[in-house]
Amino acid sequence: MADTLRKLKAEILQALGHPTRIAIVEELQRAELSAGQLIERLKLEQANASQHLAVLRNRQVVVRRKEGNQVFYSLRHPAFAEVLVLLRHACLGILNDSRELLREIRAEEVRQSGTRKARR
């Protein structure tokens, strides 16, 4: 059972492993949207949008419903939006750590530069 759940998690993460699919999920966390609305908002080609939506659908991230000749998409579960919020927080933490490291490197360069000048 644990392996089956891990496999499902991996499949979902693979589905979210493309910037366009992340953008689609971000749009759908606000509201259900038609395929046309997603295409317009994200400036996608129709064929490209269809491929990404198929991946998200096949991996159970989004569901669709037909109304007349339109297809509407929504997140299968709100937790998918929460995953992206958590990832955003993790990314901000990584970027803050990198910024701090860059400050330390720059400070070290200034100290070394001052030491070299003093030796001359």
Protein backbone atom coordinates (compact mmCIF):
# COMPACT_ATOMS: atom_id res chain seq x y z
CA MET A 1 0.00 0.00 0.00
CA ALA A 2 2.79 2.46 0.87
CA ASP A 3 4.46 1.87 -2.51
CA THR A 4 1.17 2.48 -4.32
CA LEU A 5 0.70 5.77 -2.50
CA ARG A 6 4.29 6.81 -3.21
CA LYS A 7 3.78 6.04 -6.88
CA LEU A 8 0.61 8.15 -6.96
CA LYS A 9 2.44 11.03 -5.24
CA ALA A 10 5.27 10.78 -7.77
CA GLU A 11 2.81 10.84 -10.66
CA ILE A 12 1.13 13.95 -9.27
CA LEU A 13 4.49 15.66 -8.76
CA GLN A 14 5.47 14.76 -12.32
CA ALA A 15 2.23 16.32 -13.54
CA LEU A 16 3.12 19.50 -11.66
CA GLY A 17 6.67 19.35 -13.02
CA HIS A 18 6.18 21.85 -15.85
CA PRO A 19 5.87 25.65 -15.58
CA THR A 20 2.78 25.75 -17.81
CA ARG A 21 0.99 23.13 -15.74
CA ILE A 22 1.88 25.01 -12.56
CA ALA A 23 0.43 28.15 -14.14
CA ILE A 24 -2.76 26.26 -14.99
CA VAL A 25 -3.12 25.03 -11.40
CA GLU A 26 -2.46 28.55 -10.10
CA GLU A 27 -5.26 29.88 -12.30
CA LEU A 28 -7.63 27.11 -11.27
CA GLN A 29 -7.03 27.69 -7.57
CA ARG A 30 -9.02 30.91 -7.97
CA ALA A 31 -12.00 29.50 -9.87
CA GLU A 32 -13.25 26.97 -12.38
CA LEU A 33 -12.29 28.13 -15.88
CA SER A 34 -13.09 27.11 -19.41
CA ALA A 35 -10.32 25.88 -21.65
CA GLY A 36 -10.70 29.09 -23.66
CA GLN A 37 -10.26 31.23 -20.56
CA LEU A 38 -7.11 29.35 -19.58
CA ILE A 39 -5.72 29.71 -23.11
CA GLU A 40 -6.44 33.43 -23.08
CA ARG A 41 -5.12 34.13 -19.58
CA LEU A 42 -1.93 32.13 -20.05
CA LYS A 43 -1.44 33.05 -23.72
CA LEU A 44 -1.19 29.41 -24.78
CA GLU A 45 -1.68 27.74 -28.11
CA GLN A 46 -4.80 25.57 -28.09
CA ALA A 47 -2.91 22.35 -28.86
CA ASN A 48 -0.33 23.06 -26.17
CA ALA A 49 -3.01 23.81 -23.58
CA SER A 50 -4.85 20.61 -24.48
CA GLN A 51 -1.70 18.53 -23.95
CA HIS A 52 -1.00 20.07 -20.55
CA LEU A 53 -4.62 19.74 -19.45
CA ALA A 54 -4.60 16.09 -20.52
CA VAL A 55 -1.55 15.42 -18.32
CA LEU A 56 -3.21 17.13 -15.36
CA ARG A 57 -6.44 15.23 -15.99
CA ASN A 58 -4.72 11.86 -16.38
CA ARG A 59 -2.83 12.41 -13.12
CA GLN A 60 -6.06 13.30 -11.30
CA VAL A 61 -5.03 16.90 -10.59
CA VAL A 62 -7.90 18.51 -12.50
CA VAL A 63 -11.40 17.44 -13.45
CA ARG A 64 -13.46 18.67 -16.35
CA ARG A 65 -17.10 19.14 -17.05
CA LYS A 66 -18.82 19.88 -20.33
CA GLU A 67 -21.44 22.52 -20.72
CA GLY A 68 -22.67 22.76 -24.27
CA ASN A 69 -19.61 23.06 -26.46
CA GLN A 70 -17.40 24.37 -23.67
CA VAL A 71 -15.19 22.37 -21.33
CA PHE A 72 -14.60 23.72 -17.84
CA TYR A 73 -11.70 22.71 -15.60
CA SER A 74 -11.29 22.82 -11.86
CA LEU A 75 -8.89 21.37 -9.32
CA ARG A 76 -9.83 17.90 -8.16
CA HIS A 77 -8.86 18.85 -4.62
CA PRO A 78 -7.94 22.22 -3.06
CA ALA A 79 -4.83 20.60 -1.58
CA PHE A 80 -3.17 20.86 -5.01
CA ALA A 81 -3.26 24.65 -4.67
CA GLU A 82 -1.89 24.33 -1.13
CA VAL A 83 1.04 22.29 -2.45
CA LEU A 84 1.98 25.20 -4.70
CA VAL A 85 1.71 27.65 -1.80
CA LEU A 86 4.06 25.46 0.25
CA LEU A 87 6.46 25.22 -2.69
CA ARG A 88 6.40 29.00 -3.02
CA HIS A 89 7.36 29.32 0.66
CA ALA A 90 10.16 26.79 0.19
CA CYS A 91 11.43 28.66 -2.89
CA LEU A 92 11.40 31.97 -1.01
CA GLY A 93 13.38 30.33 1.78
CA ILE A 94 15.93 29.01 -0.70
CA LEU A 95 16.23 32.42 -2.36
CA ASN A 96 16.63 34.15 1.01
CA ASP A 97 19.37 31.67 1.97
CA SER A 98 21.10 32.32 -1.35
CA ARG A 99 20.84 36.08 -0.85
CA GLU A 100 22.42 35.76 2.59
CA LEU A 101 25.22 33.59 1.20
CA LEU A 102 25.84 36.18 -1.53
CA ARG A 103 26.09 38.91 1.12
CA GLU A 104 28.64 36.84 3.02
CA ILE A 105 30.67 36.23 -0.13
CA ARG A 106 30.65 39.93 -0.99
CA ALA A 107 31.70 40.87 2.55
CA GLU A 108 34.56 38.36 2.36
CA GLU A 109 35.66 39.83 -0.99
CA VAL A 110 35.70 43.32 0.54
CA ARG A 111 37.77 42.09 3.49
CA GLN A 112 40.21 40.28 1.17
CA SER A 113 40.44 43.33 -1.08
CA GLY A 114 41.27 45.51 1.94
CA THR A 115 43.92 43.02 3.10
CA ARG A 116 45.58 43.00 -0.34
CA LYS A 117 45.66 46.82 -0.43
CA ALA A 118 47.18 46.99 3.06
CA ARG A 119 50.03 44.62 2.01
CA ARG A 120 51.06 46.84 -0.90
